Protein backbone atom coordinates (compact mmCIF):
# COMPACT_ATOMS: atom_id res chain seq x y z
CA MET A 1 295.12 109.02 31.03
CA PHE A 2 292.38 111.65 31.06
CA ILE A 3 291.35 110.74 34.61
CA GLU A 4 294.95 111.05 35.78
CA GLN A 5 295.27 114.46 34.17
CA ALA A 6 291.95 115.59 35.65
CA THR A 7 293.18 114.48 39.06
CA SER A 8 296.41 116.40 38.52
CA VAL A 9 294.44 119.56 37.64
CA ALA A 10 292.34 119.11 40.78
CA GLN A 11 295.52 119.09 42.85
CA TYR A 12 296.16 122.65 41.70
CA TYR A 13 292.98 123.93 43.35
CA PRO A 14 294.93 126.42 45.55
CA VAL A 15 296.26 128.08 42.39
CA LEU A 16 292.79 128.07 40.83
CA LEU A 17 291.24 129.57 43.96
CA LYS A 18 293.90 132.26 44.08
CA GLY A 19 293.26 133.02 40.41
CA ILE A 20 289.51 133.23 40.94
CA GLY A 21 290.03 135.51 43.93
CA MET A 22 292.32 137.80 41.93
CA THR A 23 289.89 137.93 39.01
CA MET A 24 286.98 138.77 41.30
CA ALA A 25 288.98 141.40 43.19
CA LEU A 26 290.01 143.13 39.96
CA SER A 27 286.48 142.91 38.59
CA VAL A 28 284.89 144.37 41.71
CA ILE A 29 287.33 147.29 41.73
CA GLY A 30 286.89 147.84 37.99
CA LEU A 31 283.11 147.73 38.27
CA GLY A 32 282.90 149.94 41.36
CA VAL A 33 285.35 152.63 40.29
CA GLY A 34 284.23 152.44 36.67
CA MET A 35 280.59 152.85 37.64
CA ALA A 36 281.29 155.85 39.85
CA ILE A 37 283.44 157.64 37.26
CA GLY A 38 281.32 156.50 34.32
CA LEU A 39 278.15 157.84 35.93
CA VAL A 40 279.70 161.30 36.31
CA LEU A 41 281.18 161.25 32.80
CA GLY A 42 277.87 160.05 31.38
CA ILE A 43 275.95 162.89 33.02
CA LEU A 44 278.43 165.43 31.67
CA ARG A 45 278.42 163.72 28.27
CA ALA A 46 274.67 164.29 28.04
CA GLY A 47 274.83 167.77 29.59
CA PRO A 48 274.45 171.20 28.02
CA ASN A 49 278.17 172.07 27.93
CA ARG A 50 279.26 171.33 24.35
CA ALA A 51 282.99 171.54 25.08
CA LEU A 52 282.67 168.92 27.84
CA ARG A 53 280.52 166.70 25.64
CA VAL A 54 283.09 166.76 22.86
CA ALA A 55 286.08 166.25 25.19
CA ILE A 56 284.48 163.31 26.99
CA GLY A 57 283.36 161.84 23.67
CA ILE A 58 286.91 161.94 22.31
CA TYR A 59 288.26 160.41 25.53
CA THR A 60 285.76 157.54 25.65
CA ASP A 61 286.07 156.85 21.91
CA LEU A 62 289.86 156.70 22.22
CA PHE A 63 289.78 153.95 24.84
CA ARG A 64 286.77 152.10 23.44
CA GLY A 65 288.42 152.06 20.03
CA THR A 66 291.83 150.71 21.03
CA PRO A 67 292.79 147.19 22.21
CA PHE A 68 292.53 146.74 25.95
CA LEU A 69 295.82 144.82 25.97
CA VAL A 70 297.59 147.90 24.59
CA GLN A 71 296.05 150.02 27.34
CA VAL A 72 297.26 147.60 30.01
CA PHE A 73 300.78 147.67 28.56
CA ILE A 74 300.77 151.49 28.53
CA VAL A 75 299.75 151.65 32.19
CA PHE A 76 302.23 148.99 33.29
CA PHE A 77 305.24 149.60 31.02
CA ILE A 78 305.00 153.18 29.73
CA LEU A 79 303.74 155.18 32.73
CA PRO A 80 306.87 154.31 34.78
CA GLU A 81 308.88 156.22 32.17
CA VAL A 82 307.08 159.41 33.25
CA GLY A 83 307.41 158.67 36.96
CA ILE A 84 304.16 156.75 37.58
CA GLU A 85 305.15 153.24 38.60
CA LEU A 86 302.44 150.73 39.47
CA ASP A 87 302.60 147.08 40.46
CA SER A 88 300.76 144.58 38.26
CA PHE A 89 297.62 144.55 40.42
CA SER A 90 297.35 148.34 40.56
CA ALA A 91 298.03 148.62 36.83
CA GLY A 92 295.34 146.07 36.06
CA ALA A 93 292.84 147.78 38.36
CA VAL A 94 293.53 151.22 36.84
CA ALA A 95 293.20 149.94 33.27
CA LEU A 96 290.01 148.01 34.04
CA SER A 97 288.46 150.94 35.91
CA ASN A 98 289.25 153.30 33.05
CA ILE A 99 287.86 151.14 30.25
CA SER A 100 284.82 150.36 32.38
CA ALA A 101 284.21 154.06 32.99
CA CYS A 102 284.42 154.80 29.26
CA PHE A 103 281.81 152.24 28.27
CA ILE A 104 279.54 153.03 31.20
CA ALA A 105 279.72 156.76 30.42
CA GLU A 106 278.35 156.20 26.92
CA ILE A 107 275.65 153.84 28.20
CA VAL A 108 274.52 156.33 30.86
CA ALA A 109 274.62 159.23 28.40
CA SER A 110 272.42 157.33 25.94
CA GLY A 111 269.98 156.57 28.75
CA ILE A 112 269.77 160.22 29.76
CA LYS A 113 269.22 161.30 26.16
CA SER A 114 266.32 158.84 25.87
CA ILE A 115 264.29 160.73 28.48
CA PRO A 116 261.63 162.92 26.80
CA VAL A 117 262.61 166.59 26.85
CA GLY A 118 259.07 167.48 27.90
CA GLN A 119 259.56 165.88 31.31
CA VAL A 120 262.65 167.97 31.96
CA GLU A 121 260.93 171.13 30.79
CA ALA A 122 257.93 170.40 33.01
CA ALA A 123 260.22 169.89 36.00
CA ALA A 124 262.01 173.17 35.26
CA ALA A 125 258.66 174.96 35.00
CA ALA A 126 257.69 173.51 38.37
CA GLY A 127 260.75 175.14 39.94
CA PHE A 128 263.10 172.14 40.13
CA THR A 129 266.79 173.00 40.01
CA ARG A 130 268.98 171.26 37.41
CA LEU A 131 270.35 168.98 40.12
CA GLN A 132 266.87 168.08 41.32
CA GLN A 133 265.76 167.37 37.76
CA LEU A 134 268.70 165.04 37.34
CA ARG A 135 268.35 163.30 40.70
CA LEU A 136 264.58 162.95 40.88
CA ILE A 137 263.45 162.64 37.29
CA VAL A 138 266.18 161.97 34.75
CA LEU A 139 268.58 159.51 36.42
CA PRO A 140 265.98 157.11 37.92
CA GLN A 141 264.36 156.65 34.51
CA ALA A 142 267.64 156.57 32.58
CA LEU A 143 269.22 153.96 34.82
CA ARG A 144 266.12 151.80 34.58
CA VAL A 145 266.40 151.91 30.79
CA VAL A 146 270.12 151.11 30.63
CA THR A 147 270.35 148.55 33.46
CA PRO A 148 270.41 145.52 31.10
CA SER A 149 273.19 147.16 29.08
CA LEU A 150 275.12 147.94 32.25
CA VAL A 151 274.86 144.36 33.47
CA GLY A 152 276.03 143.15 30.06
CA GLN A 153 278.99 145.52 30.31
CA PHE A 154 279.84 144.10 33.73
CA VAL A 155 280.01 140.61 32.22
CA LEU A 156 282.29 141.84 29.43
CA LEU A 157 284.54 143.53 31.98
CA ILE A 158 284.96 140.34 33.99
CA LYS A 159 286.01 138.51 30.82
CA ASP A 160 288.30 141.39 29.80
CA SER A 161 290.08 141.08 33.15
CA SER A 162 291.81 138.00 31.71
CA VAL A 163 294.07 140.38 29.76
CA VAL A 164 295.96 141.31 32.94
CA SER A 165 297.57 137.88 32.86
CA ALA A 166 299.85 139.37 30.18
CA ILE A 167 301.60 141.49 32.83
CA GLY A 168 302.22 138.56 35.15
CA LEU A 169 299.25 138.91 37.50
CA LEU A 170 298.02 135.54 38.77
CA ASP A 171 294.39 135.83 37.74
CA LEU A 172 292.28 132.89 36.58
CA THR A 173 293.75 132.88 33.06
CA ARG A 174 297.32 133.06 34.36
CA ALA A 175 296.52 130.18 36.72
CA GLY A 176 295.64 128.14 33.63
CA TRP A 177 299.01 128.89 32.05
CA VAL A 178 300.75 127.87 35.28
CA ILE A 179 298.84 124.57 35.49
CA VAL A 180 299.26 123.66 31.83
CA GLN A 181 303.04 123.65 32.30
CA SER A 182 302.63 120.57 34.50
CA VAL A 183 299.47 119.09 33.01
CA PRO A 184 300.04 119.07 29.22
CA ASN A 185 296.38 118.97 28.26
CA GLY A 186 295.41 122.46 27.17
CA LEU A 187 291.82 121.50 26.37
CA LEU A 188 291.26 120.12 29.84
CA VAL A 189 293.03 122.91 31.70
CA PHE A 190 291.49 125.81 29.84
CA GLY A 191 288.14 124.04 29.82
CA VAL A 192 288.33 124.28 33.61
CA ILE A 193 289.39 127.94 33.35
CA GLY A 194 286.47 128.66 31.01
CA ALA A 195 284.09 126.97 33.45
CA GLY A 196 285.47 129.21 36.20
CA TYR A 197 284.71 132.36 34.22
CA PHE A 198 281.26 131.01 33.40
CA LEU A 199 280.48 130.42 37.07
CA ILE A 200 281.52 134.00 37.88
CA CYS A 201 279.59 135.55 34.98
CA TYR A 202 276.44 133.42 34.93
CA PRO A 203 274.70 135.14 37.88
CA LEU A 204 275.05 138.46 36.05
CA ILE A 205 273.85 136.93 32.76
CA HIS A 206 270.82 135.50 34.56
CA LEU A 207 270.17 138.86 36.24
CA SER A 208 270.33 140.64 32.89
CA ARG A 209 267.77 138.26 31.39
CA ARG A 210 265.38 138.74 34.30
CA ILE A 211 265.68 142.53 34.05
CA GLU A 212 265.01 142.43 30.30
CA LYS A 213 261.90 140.27 30.84
CA ARG A 214 260.57 142.67 33.45
CA GLY A 215 261.22 145.58 31.13
């Protein structure tokens, strides 16, 4: 019986491959856009402008402190009511990019704050502009410090991408729900789905461990 069901699951490999491809596409977009926006927000969050620091802090806390599923529903179901209509893929990508940016911003800000003030003051005394201080002294050290945390956040984001299945997008999790309708063995089907996520995430987990050992 089990072998027959396993064979039946294997026959759905096109659905699984499509789900894996969708999950990876969403994750890459979420990571790329989130990293770019999060880096800028993190720099401003650790900057001298108090109003910006507070505003960004409120923004990031709002999204980090609310369920990601709710955020996806707002983007997909609520934004159309104000004239912003997105398909399921775009909605998922926007929500993932936003939540990624919020977490990355706080990670980057903490890394910048960990740099000794004396180094910045010495650079200023040597005639470095604020941009040069940031680019040549602060960011290289800060990013080195927070790289393990960033990689860990990337892994969490890939797993969080499974939430987009709730709006009908055929990602890896949704592929599992499709398959289990025909192969009534949830343990087997979602065991395969879990293995798929593990195979996607493990290289990043391994990378994070190697970086931590080097540090």
